[in-house]
Amino acid sequence: MRFNVTGTPDEAVACHCTQCRKQSGHFMADAEVPEGEIEIKGTVRWYQASTTARRGFCPACGSVLFWQRLGSGDMGFSLGALDDPTGLQLERHLHVASKGDYYEIADGLPQE
């Protein structure tokens, strides 16, 4: 399965929520664009992560690739899945109250 982002995300973020940490083993770096600005070639397996969001996985390798807030019209994608160079830089950290106790965030970016 492959995907192509045709739009430009508003921002790139690092999410430290418990769900992102548990599925990735650390924090998740992602960005979001309108759903129509991601072209997906192949099949995505969706997991209903909560009552308000779902996560998309590659059925062949299990990679976490997408995140979607239900009804938003936007789709998030994993920055680690993009080919370099992306031209993106992290702009803030989300859900830092849930971050793991084994690391510190010391890059000076805003923390929410």
C-alpha atoms as a PDB file:
ATOM      1  CA  MET A   1       0.000   0.000   0.000  1.00  0.00           C
ATOM      2  CA  ARG A   2       1.238   3.489  -0.846  1.00  0.00           C
ATOM      3  CA  PHE A   3      -0.083   6.992  -0.313  1.00  0.00           C
ATOM      4  CA  ASN A   4       0.622  10.445  -1.648  1.00  0.00           C
ATOM      5  CA  VAL A   5      -0.164  13.722   0.090  1.00  0.00           C
ATOM      6  CA  THR A   6      -1.194  16.295  -2.513  1.00  0.00           C
ATOM      7  CA  GLY A   7      -1.982  19.116  -0.071  1.00  0.00           C
ATOM      8  CA  THR A   8       0.178  21.091   2.317  1.00  0.00           C
ATOM      9  CA  PRO A   9      -0.461  20.465   6.030  1.00  0.00           C
ATOM     10  CA  ASP A  10      -1.055  23.429   8.318  1.00  0.00           C
ATOM     11  CA  GLU A  11       1.431  22.086  10.842  1.00  0.00           C
ATOM     12  CA  ALA A  12       3.404  19.049  11.952  1.00  0.00           C
ATOM     13  CA  VAL A  13       2.925  17.941  15.553  1.00  0.00           C
ATOM     14  CA  ALA A  14       4.226  15.378  18.017  1.00  0.00           C
ATOM     15  CA  CYS A  15       1.450  13.643  19.938  1.00  0.00           C
ATOM     16  CA  HIS A  16       2.359  12.144  23.317  1.00  0.00           C
ATOM     17  CA  CYS A  17      -1.107  10.767  24.197  1.00  0.00           C
ATOM     18  CA  THR A  18      -1.317   7.295  25.676  1.00  0.00           C
ATOM     19  CA  GLN A  19      -2.833   5.766  22.520  1.00  0.00           C
ATOM     20  CA  CYS A  20      -0.094   7.156  20.256  1.00  0.00           C
ATOM     21  CA  ARG A  21       2.627   6.050  22.685  1.00  0.00           C
ATOM     22  CA  LYS A  22       1.246   2.535  22.978  1.00  0.00           C
ATOM     23  CA  GLN A  23       0.786   2.006  19.248  1.00  0.00           C
ATOM     24  CA  SER A  24       4.131   3.498  18.199  1.00  0.00           C
ATOM     25  CA  GLY A  25       6.330   2.689  21.184  1.00  0.00           C
ATOM     26  CA  HIS A  26       7.107   6.376  21.715  1.00  0.00           C
ATOM     27  CA  PHE A  27       5.352   9.530  20.527  1.00  0.00           C
ATOM     28  CA  MET A  28       3.732   9.983  17.107  1.00  0.00           C
ATOM     29  CA  ALA A  29       4.796  12.684  14.648  1.00  0.00           C
ATOM     30  CA  ASP A  30       2.032  13.514  12.211  1.00  0.00           C
ATOM     31  CA  ALA A  31       0.327  16.181  10.142  1.00  0.00           C
ATOM     32  CA  GLU A  32      -3.193  16.633   8.821  1.00  0.00           C
ATOM     33  CA  VAL A  33      -4.748  17.676   5.496  1.00  0.00           C
ATOM     34  CA  PRO A  34      -8.291  17.591   4.084  1.00  0.00           C
ATOM     35  CA  GLU A  35      -9.237  13.985   3.332  1.00  0.00           C
ATOM     36  CA  GLY A  36      -9.348  14.614  -0.428  1.00  0.00           C
ATOM     37  CA  GLU A  37      -5.682  15.668  -0.373  1.00  0.00           C
ATOM     38  CA  ILE A  38      -4.399  12.154   0.372  1.00  0.00           C
ATOM     39  CA  GLU A  39      -4.324   9.644  -2.460  1.00  0.00           C
ATOM     40  CA  ILE A  40      -4.227   6.065  -1.142  1.00  0.00           C
ATOM     41  CA  LYS A  41      -3.249   3.206  -3.449  1.00  0.00           C
ATOM     42  CA  GLY A  42      -4.162  -0.107  -1.908  1.00  0.00           C
ATOM     43  CA  THR A  43      -6.159  -1.209   1.096  1.00  0.00           C
ATOM     44  CA  VAL A  44      -6.182   0.426   4.532  1.00  0.00           C
ATOM     45  CA  ARG A  45      -7.389  -1.442   7.615  1.00  0.00           C
ATOM     46  CA  TRP A  46      -9.189   0.869  10.005  1.00  0.00           C
ATOM     47  CA  TYR A  47      -9.335   0.471  13.776  1.00  0.00           C
ATOM     48  CA  GLN A  48     -11.964   2.375  15.767  1.00  0.00           C
ATOM     49  CA  ALA A  49      -9.621   3.817  18.416  1.00  0.00           C
ATOM     50  CA  SER A  50     -12.328   5.704  20.323  1.00  0.00           C
ATOM     51  CA  THR A  51     -15.860   6.997  19.859  1.00  0.00           C
ATOM     52  CA  THR A  52     -14.435  10.023  18.012  1.00  0.00           C
ATOM     53  CA  ALA A  53     -11.404   8.735  16.060  1.00  0.00           C
ATOM     54  CA  ARG A  54     -10.058   5.886  13.974  1.00  0.00           C
ATOM     55  CA  ARG A  55      -6.555   4.792  12.943  1.00  0.00           C
ATOM     56  CA  GLY A  56      -5.496   3.362   9.594  1.00  0.00           C
ATOM     57  CA  PHE A  57      -2.943   0.560   9.238  1.00  0.00           C
ATOM     58  CA  CYS A  58      -1.218  -1.092   6.304  1.00  0.00           C
ATOM     59  CA  PRO A  59      -2.654  -4.636   6.185  1.00  0.00           C
ATOM     60  CA  ALA A  60       0.596  -6.054   4.761  1.00  0.00           C
ATOM     61  CA  CYS A  61       3.145  -4.731   7.279  1.00  0.00           C
ATOM     62  CA  GLY A  62       1.029  -3.322  10.131  1.00  0.00           C
ATOM     63  CA  SER A  63       2.475   0.199   9.910  1.00  0.00           C
ATOM     64  CA  VAL A  64       0.366   2.924  11.489  1.00  0.00           C
ATOM     65  CA  LEU A  65      -0.185   5.421   8.698  1.00  0.00           C
ATOM     66  CA  PHE A  66      -3.375   7.424   9.254  1.00  0.00           C
ATOM     67  CA  TRP A  67      -5.503   9.009  11.934  1.00  0.00           C
ATOM     68  CA  GLN A  68      -8.938  10.517  11.452  1.00  0.00           C
ATOM     69  CA  ARG A  69     -11.278  12.417  13.752  1.00  0.00           C
ATOM     70  CA  LEU A  70     -14.683  11.123  12.660  1.00  0.00           C
ATOM     71  CA  GLY A  71     -16.739  13.663  10.747  1.00  0.00           C
ATOM     72  CA  SER A  72     -13.908  16.203  10.511  1.00  0.00           C
ATOM     73  CA  GLY A  73     -13.215  15.828   6.792  1.00  0.00           C
ATOM     74  CA  ASP A  74      -9.479  15.809   7.568  1.00  0.00           C
ATOM     75  CA  MET A  75      -7.000  12.950   7.700  1.00  0.00           C
ATOM     76  CA  GLY A  76      -3.768  12.785   9.644  1.00  0.00           C
ATOM     77  CA  PHE A  77      -0.774  10.879   8.352  1.00  0.00           C
ATOM     78  CA  SER A  78       2.424   9.595   9.916  1.00  0.00           C
ATOM     79  CA  LEU A  79       5.411  11.799   9.060  1.00  0.00           C
ATOM     80  CA  GLY A  80       7.733   8.823   9.380  1.00  0.00           C
ATOM     81  CA  ALA A  81       6.050   7.190   6.396  1.00  0.00           C
ATOM     82  CA  LEU A  82       6.944  10.025   4.007  1.00  0.00           C
ATOM     83  CA  ASP A  83       9.902   9.943   1.671  1.00  0.00           C
ATOM     84  CA  ASP A  84      12.612  12.486   2.488  1.00  0.00           C
ATOM     85  CA  PRO A  85      12.888  15.413   2.234  1.00  0.00           C
ATOM     86  CA  THR A  86       9.500  16.467   3.584  1.00  0.00           C
ATOM     87  CA  GLY A  87      10.191  20.169   4.127  1.00  0.00           C
ATOM     88  CA  LEU A  88       8.176  19.911   7.361  1.00  0.00           C
ATOM     89  CA  GLN A  89       9.272  20.684  10.908  1.00  0.00           C
ATOM     90  CA  LEU A  90       7.515  19.966  14.179  1.00  0.00           C
ATOM     91  CA  GLU A  91       5.671  23.008  15.483  1.00  0.00           C
ATOM     92  CA  ARG A  92       4.280  21.820  18.835  1.00  0.00           C
ATOM     93  CA  HIS A  93       3.803  18.905  21.206  1.00  0.00           C
ATOM     94  CA  LEU A  94       0.310  17.651  22.105  1.00  0.00           C
ATOM     95  CA  HIS A  95      -0.956  15.793  25.191  1.00  0.00           C
ATOM     96  CA  VAL A  96       2.348  16.182  27.045  1.00  0.00           C
ATOM     97  CA  ALA A  97       0.645  15.416  30.364  1.00  0.00           C
ATOM     98  CA  SER A  98       0.392  11.811  29.084  1.00  0.00           C
ATOM     99  CA  LYS A  99       3.989  11.498  27.878  1.00  0.00           C
ATOM    100  CA  GLY A 100       6.207   8.691  29.067  1.00  0.00           C
ATOM    101  CA  ASP A 101       8.359   9.274  32.140  1.00  0.00           C
ATOM    102  CA  TYR A 102      11.498   8.007  30.393  1.00  0.00           C
ATOM    103  CA  TYR A 103      12.146  11.123  28.279  1.00  0.00           C
ATOM    104  CA  GLU A 104      12.111  14.897  28.431  1.00  0.00           C
ATOM    105  CA  ILE A 105      10.910  17.365  25.813  1.00  0.00           C
ATOM    106  CA  ALA A 106      13.656  19.978  25.516  1.00  0.00           C
ATOM    107  CA  ASP A 107      13.349  21.357  21.984  1.00  0.00           C
ATOM    108  CA  GLY A 108      11.688  24.632  23.035  1.00  0.00           C
ATOM    109  CA  LEU A 109       8.520  24.029  21.001  1.00  0.00           C
ATOM    110  CA  PRO A 110       5.104  24.833  22.547  1.00  0.00           C
ATOM    111  CA  GLN A 111       3.702  22.050  24.736  1.00  0.00           C
ATOM    112  CA  GLU A 112      -0.018  21.477  25.232  1.00  0.00           C
END
